[in-house]
Amino acid sequence: IWNTVLKGLVAILPLGLTVYVVYWL
């Protein structure tokens, strides 16, 4: 379960941070 959660985090974090940085700029 923990490994699956980490895989989801690795998949979503770059996309989420990119969208947030573009929005912030």
PDB file of all heavy atoms in Angstrom:
ATOM      1  N   ILE A   1       0.854  -1.202   0.000  1.00  0.00           N
ATOM      2  CA  ILE A   1       0.000   0.000   0.000  1.00  0.00           C
ATOM      3  C   ILE A   1       0.886   1.247   0.000  1.00  0.00           C
ATOM      4  O   ILE A   1       0.649   2.197  -0.750  1.00  0.00           O
ATOM      5  CB  ILE A   1      -0.959  -0.004   1.207  1.00  0.00           C
ATOM      6  CG1 ILE A   1      -1.970  -1.139   1.065  1.00  0.00           C
ATOM      7  CG2 ILE A   1      -1.671   1.338   1.345  1.00  0.00           C
ATOM      8  CD1 ILE A   1      -2.833  -1.346   2.290  1.00  0.00           C
ATOM      9  N   TRP A   2       1.903   1.244   0.848  1.00  0.00           N
ATOM     10  CA  TRP A   2       2.807   2.388   0.943  1.00  0.00           C
ATOM     11  C   TRP A   2       3.519   2.626  -0.392  1.00  0.00           C
ATOM     12  O   TRP A   2       3.654   3.763  -0.838  1.00  0.00           O
ATOM     13  CB  TRP A   2       3.806   2.171   2.061  1.00  0.00           C
ATOM     14  CG  TRP A   2       4.775   3.298   2.207  1.00  0.00           C
ATOM     15  CD1 TRP A   2       6.101   3.263   1.951  1.00  0.00           C
ATOM     16  CD2 TRP A   2       4.488   4.630   2.616  1.00  0.00           C
ATOM     17  NE1 TRP A   2       6.668   4.492   2.181  1.00  0.00           N
ATOM     18  CE2 TRP A   2       5.688   5.355   2.602  1.00  0.00           C
ATOM     19  CE3 TRP A   2       3.328   5.292   3.013  1.00  0.00           C
ATOM     20  CZ2 TRP A   2       5.768   6.692   2.943  1.00  0.00           C
ATOM     21  CZ3 TRP A   2       3.422   6.634   3.362  1.00  0.00           C
ATOM     22  CH2 TRP A   2       4.614   7.311   3.328  1.00  0.00           C
ATOM     23  N   ASN A   3       3.992   1.564  -1.037  1.00  0.00           N
ATOM     24  CA  ASN A   3       4.653   1.697  -2.328  1.00  0.00           C
ATOM     25  C   ASN A   3       3.705   2.244  -3.392  1.00  0.00           C
ATOM     26  O   ASN A   3       4.111   3.058  -4.226  1.00  0.00           O
ATOM     27  CB  ASN A   3       5.224   0.351  -2.786  1.00  0.00           C
ATOM     28  CG  ASN A   3       6.456  -0.024  -2.016  1.00  0.00           C
ATOM     29  OD1 ASN A   3       7.106   0.811  -1.409  1.00  0.00           O
ATOM     30  ND2 ASN A   3       6.780  -1.311  -2.022  1.00  0.00           N
ATOM     31  N   THR A   4       2.465   1.826  -3.353  1.00  0.00           N
ATOM     32  CA  THR A   4       1.477   2.327  -4.314  1.00  0.00           C
ATOM     33  C   THR A   4       1.206   3.810  -4.077  1.00  0.00           C
ATOM     34  O   THR A   4       1.092   4.587  -5.032  1.00  0.00           O
ATOM     35  CB  THR A   4       0.170   1.517  -4.209  1.00  0.00           C
ATOM     36  OG1 THR A   4       0.477   0.123  -4.384  1.00  0.00           O
ATOM     37  CG2 THR A   4      -0.833   1.948  -5.254  1.00  0.00           C
ATOM     38  N   VAL A   5       1.106   4.207  -2.813  1.00  0.00           N
ATOM     39  CA  VAL A   5       0.903   5.625  -2.489  1.00  0.00           C
ATOM     40  C   VAL A   5       2.092   6.453  -2.965  1.00  0.00           C
ATOM     41  O   VAL A   5       1.925   7.533  -3.530  1.00  0.00           O
ATOM     42  CB  VAL A   5       0.662   5.811  -0.971  1.00  0.00           C
ATOM     43  CG1 VAL A   5       0.732   7.265  -0.571  1.00  0.00           C
ATOM     44  CG2 VAL A   5      -0.666   5.207  -0.567  1.00  0.00           C
ATOM     45  N   LEU A   6       3.305   5.965  -2.753  1.00  0.00           N
ATOM     46  CA  LEU A   6       4.494   6.687  -3.210  1.00  0.00           C
ATOM     47  C   LEU A   6       4.539   6.800  -4.730  1.00  0.00           C
ATOM     48  O   LEU A   6       4.937   7.834  -5.269  1.00  0.00           O
ATOM     49  CB  LEU A   6       5.761   6.011  -2.695  1.00  0.00           C
ATOM     50  CG  LEU A   6       6.072   6.233  -1.219  1.00  0.00           C
ATOM     51  CD1 LEU A   6       7.335   5.481  -0.823  1.00  0.00           C
ATOM     52  CD2 LEU A   6       6.210   7.699  -0.893  1.00  0.00           C
ATOM     53  N   LYS A   7       4.143   5.758  -5.442  1.00  0.00           N
ATOM     54  CA  LYS A   7       4.090   5.821  -6.900  1.00  0.00           C
ATOM     55  C   LYS A   7       3.097   6.886  -7.359  1.00  0.00           C
ATOM     56  O   LYS A   7       3.345   7.615  -8.319  1.00  0.00           O
ATOM     57  CB  LYS A   7       3.707   4.468  -7.490  1.00  0.00           C
ATOM     58  CG  LYS A   7       4.810   3.454  -7.437  1.00  0.00           C
ATOM     59  CD  LYS A   7       4.333   2.132  -8.015  1.00  0.00           C
ATOM     60  CE  LYS A   7       5.391   1.068  -7.853  1.00  0.00           C
ATOM     61  NZ  LYS A   7       4.936  -0.246  -8.355  1.00  0.00           N
ATOM     62  N   GLY A   8       1.959   6.963  -6.684  1.00  0.00           N
ATOM     63  CA  GLY A   8       0.973   8.000  -7.007  1.00  0.00           C
ATOM     64  C   GLY A   8       1.521   9.392  -6.749  1.00  0.00           C
ATOM     65  O   GLY A   8       1.305  10.313  -7.537  1.00  0.00           O
ATOM     66  N   LEU A   9       2.235   9.539  -5.646  1.00  0.00           N
ATOM     67  CA  LEU A   9       2.839  10.832  -5.314  1.00  0.00           C
ATOM     68  C   LEU A   9       3.876  11.232  -6.358  1.00  0.00           C
ATOM     69  O   LEU A   9       3.908  12.387  -6.803  1.00  0.00           O
ATOM     70  CB  LEU A   9       3.487  10.763  -3.930  1.00  0.00           C
ATOM     71  CG  LEU A   9       4.121  12.050  -3.414  1.00  0.00           C
ATOM     72  CD1 LEU A   9       3.050  13.119  -3.229  1.00  0.00           C
ATOM     73  CD2 LEU A   9       4.840  11.786  -2.112  1.00  0.00           C
ATOM     74  N   VAL A  10       4.702  10.290  -6.776  1.00  0.00           N
ATOM     75  CA  VAL A  10       5.718  10.565  -7.790  1.00  0.00           C
ATOM     76  C   VAL A  10       5.067  10.948  -9.115  1.00  0.00           C
ATOM     77  O   VAL A  10       5.589  11.775  -9.862  1.00  0.00           O
ATOM     78  CB  VAL A  10       6.662   9.343  -7.954  1.00  0.00           C
ATOM     79  CG1 VAL A  10       7.513   9.459  -9.199  1.00  0.00           C
ATOM     80  CG2 VAL A  10       7.533   9.186  -6.719  1.00  0.00           C
ATOM     81  N   ALA A  11       3.915  10.374  -9.411  1.00  0.00           N
ATOM     82  CA  ALA A  11       3.224  10.681 -10.665  1.00  0.00           C
ATOM     83  C   ALA A  11       2.542  12.039 -10.622  1.00  0.00           C
ATOM     84  O   ALA A  11       2.531  12.778 -11.602  1.00  0.00           O
ATOM     85  CB  ALA A  11       2.198   9.593 -10.974  1.00  0.00           C
ATOM     86  N   ILE A  12       1.977  12.417  -9.479  1.00  0.00           N
ATOM     87  CA  ILE A  12       1.166  13.635  -9.391  1.00  0.00           C
ATOM     88  C   ILE A  12       1.965  14.862  -8.968  1.00  0.00           C
ATOM     89  O   ILE A  12       1.667  15.964  -9.402  1.00  0.00           O
ATOM     90  CB  ILE A  12      -0.006  13.406  -8.409  1.00  0.00           C
ATOM     91  CG1 ILE A  12      -0.909  12.385  -9.006  1.00  0.00           C
ATOM     92  CG2 ILE A  12      -0.681  14.678  -8.016  1.00  0.00           C
ATOM     93  CD1 ILE A  12      -2.349  12.503  -8.736  1.00  0.00           C
ATOM     94  N   LEU A  13       2.985  14.690  -8.154  1.00  0.00           N
ATOM     95  CA  LEU A  13       3.719  15.842  -7.621  1.00  0.00           C
ATOM     96  C   LEU A  13       4.338  16.725  -8.703  1.00  0.00           C
ATOM     97  O   LEU A  13       4.171  17.948  -8.643  1.00  0.00           O
ATOM     98  CB  LEU A  13       4.784  15.362  -6.630  1.00  0.00           C
ATOM     99  CG  LEU A  13       5.419  16.440  -5.765  1.00  0.00           C
ATOM    100  CD1 LEU A  13       4.363  17.126  -4.915  1.00  0.00           C
ATOM    101  CD2 LEU A  13       6.485  15.836  -4.880  1.00  0.00           C
ATOM    102  N   PRO A  14       5.049  16.204  -9.697  1.00  0.00           N
ATOM    103  CA  PRO A  14       5.604  17.109 -10.715  1.00  0.00           C
ATOM    104  C   PRO A  14       4.532  17.882 -11.469  1.00  0.00           C
ATOM    105  O   PRO A  14       4.684  19.076 -11.729  1.00  0.00           O
ATOM    106  CB  PRO A  14       6.356  16.163 -11.666  1.00  0.00           C
ATOM    107  CG  PRO A  14       6.638  14.955 -10.876  1.00  0.00           C
ATOM    108  CD  PRO A  14       5.500  14.821  -9.906  1.00  0.00           C
ATOM    109  N   LEU A  15       3.450  17.235 -11.810  1.00  0.00           N
ATOM    110  CA  LEU A  15       2.358  17.906 -12.510  1.00  0.00           C
ATOM    111  C   LEU A  15       1.728  18.981 -11.633  1.00  0.00           C
ATOM    112  O   LEU A  15       1.532  20.117 -12.069  1.00  0.00           O
ATOM    113  CB  LEU A  15       1.295  16.887 -12.939  1.00  0.00           C
ATOM    114  CG  LEU A  15       0.078  17.458 -13.643  1.00  0.00           C
ATOM    115  CD1 LEU A  15       0.475  18.064 -14.974  1.00  0.00           C
ATOM    116  CD2 LEU A  15      -0.960  16.378 -13.835  1.00  0.00           C
ATOM    117  N   GLY A  16       1.441  18.640 -10.395  1.00  0.00           N
ATOM    118  CA  GLY A  16       0.829  19.602  -9.479  1.00  0.00           C
ATOM    119  C   GLY A  16       1.721  20.797  -9.210  1.00  0.00           C
ATOM    120  O   GLY A  16       1.263  21.945  -9.210  1.00  0.00           O
ATOM    121  N   LEU A  17       3.004  20.556  -8.985  1.00  0.00           N
ATOM    122  CA  LEU A  17       3.928  21.665  -8.741  1.00  0.00           C
ATOM    123  C   LEU A  17       4.096  22.540  -9.972  1.00  0.00           C
ATOM    124  O   LEU A  17       4.184  23.760  -9.859  1.00  0.00           O
ATOM    125  CB  LEU A  17       5.286  21.137  -8.284  1.00  0.00           C
ATOM    126  CG  LEU A  17       5.340  20.626  -6.853  1.00  0.00           C
ATOM    127  CD1 LEU A  17       6.721  20.044  -6.555  1.00  0.00           C
ATOM    128  CD2 LEU A  17       5.012  21.710  -5.858  1.00  0.00           C
ATOM    129  N   THR A  18       4.121  21.933 -11.140  1.00  0.00           N
ATOM    130  CA  THR A  18       4.240  22.713 -12.377  1.00  0.00           C
ATOM    131  C   THR A  18       3.036  23.615 -12.566  1.00  0.00           C
ATOM    132  O   THR A  18       3.173  24.807 -12.862  1.00  0.00           O
ATOM    133  CB  THR A  18       4.395  21.779 -13.592  1.00  0.00           C
ATOM    134  OG1 THR A  18       5.561  20.974 -13.394  1.00  0.00           O
ATOM    135  CG2 THR A  18       4.529  22.571 -14.870  1.00  0.00           C
ATOM    136  N   VAL A  19       1.846  23.075 -12.385  1.00  0.00           N
ATOM    137  CA  VAL A  19       0.625  23.876 -12.515  1.00  0.00           C
ATOM    138  C   VAL A  19       0.618  24.997 -11.486  1.00  0.00           C
ATOM    139  O   VAL A  19       0.290  26.145 -11.797  1.00  0.00           O
ATOM    140  CB  VAL A  19      -0.628  22.981 -12.380  1.00  0.00           C
ATOM    141  CG1 VAL A  19      -1.885  23.803 -12.233  1.00  0.00           C
ATOM    142  CG2 VAL A  19      -0.727  22.041 -13.571  1.00  0.00           C
ATOM    143  N   TYR A  20       1.027  24.699 -10.256  1.00  0.00           N
ATOM    144  CA  TYR A  20       1.037  25.715  -9.215  1.00  0.00           C
ATOM    145  C   TYR A  20       2.037  26.824  -9.517  1.00  0.00           C
ATOM    146  O   TYR A  20       1.729  28.010  -9.353  1.00  0.00           O
ATOM    147  CB  TYR A  20       1.346  25.095  -7.847  1.00  0.00           C
ATOM    148  CG  TYR A  20       1.450  26.140  -6.765  1.00  0.00           C
ATOM    149  CD1 TYR A  20       0.303  26.753  -6.267  1.00  0.00           C
ATOM    150  CD2 TYR A  20       2.679  26.551  -6.281  1.00  0.00           C
ATOM    151  CE1 TYR A  20       0.384  27.737  -5.302  1.00  0.00           C
ATOM    152  CE2 TYR A  20       2.768  27.529  -5.318  1.00  0.00           C
ATOM    153  CZ  TYR A  20       1.620  28.119  -4.829  1.00  0.00           C
ATOM    154  OH  TYR A  20       1.712  29.094  -3.885  1.00  0.00           O
ATOM    155  N   VAL A  21       3.243  26.471  -9.975  1.00  0.00           N
ATOM    156  CA  VAL A  21       4.265  27.488 -10.267  1.00  0.00           C
ATOM    157  C   VAL A  21       3.820  28.383 -11.423  1.00  0.00           C
ATOM    158  O   VAL A  21       3.981  29.608 -11.368  1.00  0.00           O
ATOM    159  CB  VAL A  21       5.632  26.828 -10.553  1.00  0.00           C
ATOM    160  CG1 VAL A  21       6.613  27.806 -11.159  1.00  0.00           C
ATOM    161  CG2 VAL A  21       6.203  26.235  -9.278  1.00  0.00           C
ATOM    162  N   VAL A  22       3.235  27.789 -12.468  1.00  0.00           N
ATOM    163  CA  VAL A  22       2.743  28.595 -13.593  1.00  0.00           C
ATOM    164  C   VAL A  22       1.623  29.519 -13.127  1.00  0.00           C
ATOM    165  O   VAL A  22       1.592  30.709 -13.469  1.00  0.00           O
ATOM    166  CB  VAL A  22       2.274  27.689 -14.752  1.00  0.00           C
ATOM    167  CG1 VAL A  22       1.520  28.470 -15.797  1.00  0.00           C
ATOM    168  CG2 VAL A  22       3.468  26.980 -15.370  1.00  0.00           C
ATOM    169  N   TYR A  23       0.700  29.012 -12.309  1.00  0.00           N
ATOM    170  CA  TYR A  23      -0.381  29.834 -11.764  1.00  0.00           C
ATOM    171  C   TYR A  23       0.189  30.964 -10.905  1.00  0.00           C
ATOM    172  O   TYR A  23      -0.220  32.119 -11.032  1.00  0.00           O
ATOM    173  CB  TYR A  23      -1.325  28.960 -10.937  1.00  0.00           C
ATOM    174  CG  TYR A  23      -2.325  29.742 -10.134  1.00  0.00           C
ATOM    175  CD1 TYR A  23      -3.454  30.283 -10.741  1.00  0.00           C
ATOM    176  CD2 TYR A  23      -2.149  29.953  -8.772  1.00  0.00           C
ATOM    177  CE1 TYR A  23      -4.370  31.012 -10.010  1.00  0.00           C
ATOM    178  CE2 TYR A  23      -3.059  30.684  -8.035  1.00  0.00           C
ATOM    179  CZ  TYR A  23      -4.163  31.208  -8.655  1.00  0.00           C
ATOM    180  OH  TYR A  23      -5.066  31.925  -7.929  1.00  0.00           O
ATOM    181  N   TRP A  24       1.143  30.641 -10.043  1.00  0.00           N
ATOM    182  CA  TRP A  24       1.741  31.641  -9.167  1.00  0.00           C
ATOM    183  C   TRP A  24       2.437  32.732  -9.978  1.00  0.00           C
ATOM    184  O   TRP A  24       2.309  33.918  -9.669  1.00  0.00           O
ATOM    185  CB  TRP A  24       2.724  30.968  -8.213  1.00  0.00           C
ATOM    186  CG  TRP A  24       3.439  31.934  -7.336  1.00  0.00           C
ATOM    187  CD1 TRP A  24       2.967  32.544  -6.209  1.00  0.00           C
ATOM    188  CD2 TRP A  24       4.762  32.439  -7.535  1.00  0.00           C
ATOM    189  NE1 TRP A  24       3.918  33.384  -5.692  1.00  0.00           N
ATOM    190  CE2 TRP A  24       5.031  33.340  -6.483  1.00  0.00           C
ATOM    191  CE3 TRP A  24       5.737  32.205  -8.493  1.00  0.00           C
ATOM    192  CZ2 TRP A  24       6.230  34.007  -6.375  1.00  0.00           C
ATOM    193  CZ3 TRP A  24       6.947  32.874  -8.379  1.00  0.00           C
ATOM    194  CH2 TRP A  24       7.184  33.760  -7.325  1.00  0.00           C
ATOM    195  N   LEU A  25       3.184  32.347 -11.013  1.00  0.00           N
ATOM    196  CA  LEU A  25       3.853  33.335 -11.849  1.00  0.00           C
ATOM    197  C   LEU A  25       2.858  34.250 -12.562  1.00  0.00           C
ATOM    198  O   LEU A  25       3.056  35.462 -12.642  1.00  0.00           O
ATOM    199  CB  LEU A  25       4.756  32.648 -12.881  1.00  0.00           C
ATOM    200  CG  LEU A  25       6.051  32.063 -12.351  1.00  0.00           C
ATOM    201  CD1 LEU A  25       6.735  31.233 -13.430  1.00  0.00           C
ATOM    202  CD2 LEU A  25       6.970  33.145 -11.845  1.00  0.00           C
TER     203      LEU A  25
END
